[in-house]
Amino acid sequence: VKKNKTRSKKIWDKNKYDKIAYFIINDVSIRLLKDVQWQNKQYIPHPSTYLNNKLWEDDITEFSNIKKPTGKNSSWSNYQQGVEKQSGGNVYEHCSTPQ
């Protein structure tokens, strides 16, 4: 996101982030690849927000950590219903029972 460049530069210089520049760049790279929030451009924080709030200290919400949506209108629910129709209602027929 290329917003508030001047403000971001002032924050960077004031806090002397040159010392941890590699760490910040690495964190942003990882978040772009793995963080669910950062997959949608509208939810990527502005650089000034990222720097002011020290967002590199926050946990990354990876895809495997998110809950699948539930409810009658969720796409996950629609997917499950489609699988049930295709398998005749037994979606677990391919699973083995634990011993």
Protein backbone atom coordinates (compact mmCIF):
# COMPACT_ATOMS: atom_id res chain seq x y z
CA VAL A 1 0.00 0.00 0.00
CA LYS A 2 1.53 3.28 -1.08
CA LYS A 3 -0.20 5.81 1.16
CA ASN A 4 1.10 8.49 3.54
CA LYS A 5 4.70 8.12 2.35
CA THR A 6 5.85 11.37 3.96
CA ARG A 7 4.25 10.49 7.28
CA SER A 8 5.74 6.99 7.16
CA LYS A 9 9.20 8.40 6.47
CA LYS A 10 8.91 10.74 9.47
CA ILE A 11 7.87 7.84 11.73
CA TRP A 12 10.72 5.70 10.36
CA ASP A 13 13.33 8.42 10.97
CA LYS A 14 11.96 9.40 14.39
CA ASN A 15 12.07 5.82 15.68
CA LYS A 16 15.34 4.95 13.92
CA TYR A 17 13.94 1.82 12.31
CA ASP A 18 17.03 1.52 10.10
CA LYS A 19 18.43 -0.76 12.80
CA ILE A 20 15.60 -3.26 12.32
CA ALA A 21 14.85 -2.61 8.65
CA TYR A 22 15.67 -6.17 7.61
CA PHE A 23 13.33 -7.55 10.27
CA ILE A 24 10.47 -5.25 9.20
CA ILE A 25 10.91 -6.03 5.50
CA ASN A 26 11.02 -9.74 6.27
CA ASP A 27 7.85 -9.48 8.39
CA VAL A 28 5.95 -7.68 5.64
CA SER A 29 7.06 -10.31 3.11
CA ILE A 30 5.85 -13.14 5.33
CA ARG A 31 2.54 -11.41 6.04
CA LEU A 32 1.92 -10.92 2.33
CA LEU A 33 2.33 -14.66 1.82
CA LYS A 34 0.77 -16.13 4.96
CA ASP A 35 -1.44 -13.65 6.82
CA VAL A 36 -5.12 -14.06 5.97
CA GLN A 37 -5.83 -10.37 6.52
CA TRP A 38 -3.14 -9.31 4.07
CA GLN A 39 -4.56 -11.44 1.24
CA ASN A 40 -7.21 -8.80 0.58
CA LYS A 41 -5.59 -5.49 -0.38
CA GLN A 42 -8.23 -3.40 1.38
CA TYR A 43 -7.22 -4.89 4.76
CA ILE A 44 -3.48 -4.30 4.45
CA PRO A 45 -2.61 -1.51 6.88
CA HIS A 46 -1.06 1.70 5.62
CA PRO A 47 2.68 1.85 6.24
CA SER A 48 2.27 4.62 8.83
CA THR A 49 -0.23 2.46 10.73
CA TYR A 50 2.08 -0.54 10.51
CA LEU A 51 5.01 1.47 11.88
CA ASN A 52 3.11 3.44 14.55
CA ASN A 53 1.45 0.33 15.96
CA LYS A 54 4.54 -1.89 15.64
CA LEU A 55 2.46 -4.49 13.82
CA TRP A 56 5.49 -6.72 13.29
CA GLU A 57 4.98 -7.69 16.95
CA ASP A 58 1.47 -9.06 16.22
CA ASP A 59 0.80 -12.71 15.53
CA ILE A 60 0.25 -13.83 11.96
CA THR A 61 -3.18 -15.32 11.31
CA GLU A 62 -2.39 -18.18 8.97
CA PHE A 63 -4.94 -19.96 6.81
CA SER A 64 -4.92 -23.08 8.99
CA ASN A 65 -5.75 -21.03 12.11
CA ILE A 66 -8.99 -19.55 10.82
CA LYS A 67 -12.36 -21.09 11.51
CA LYS A 68 -14.45 -22.24 8.61
CA PRO A 69 -17.61 -20.16 8.21
CA THR A 70 -20.83 -21.80 9.27
CA GLY A 71 -24.48 -21.01 8.77
CA LYS A 72 -27.08 -21.56 6.12
CA ASN A 73 -25.67 -19.01 3.68
CA SER A 74 -21.95 -19.63 4.07
CA SER A 75 -19.95 -20.87 1.11
CA TRP A 76 -18.57 -23.66 3.34
CA SER A 77 -22.12 -24.81 4.10
CA ASN A 78 -22.96 -24.74 0.39
CA TYR A 79 -19.84 -26.79 -0.35
CA GLN A 80 -20.75 -29.39 2.27
CA GLN A 81 -24.26 -29.70 0.89
CA GLY A 82 -22.86 -30.26 -2.60
CA VAL A 83 -20.53 -33.00 -1.33
CA GLU A 84 -23.41 -34.67 0.51
CA LYS A 85 -25.53 -34.69 -2.65
CA GLN A 86 -22.70 -36.20 -4.71
CA SER A 87 -21.96 -38.93 -2.17
CA GLY A 88 -25.56 -39.80 -1.39
CA GLY A 89 -25.37 -38.26 2.08
CA ASN A 90 -22.35 -40.21 3.36
CA VAL A 91 -19.50 -37.68 3.20
CA TYR A 92 -17.29 -39.84 5.42
CA GLU A 93 -17.45 -43.05 3.38
CA HIS A 94 -13.81 -42.67 2.35
CA CYS A 95 -12.61 -42.31 5.95
CA SER A 96 -11.43 -45.27 7.96
CA THR A 97 -12.61 -45.80 11.50
CA PRO A 98 -10.03 -45.43 14.25
CA GLN A 99 -8.70 -48.67 15.71
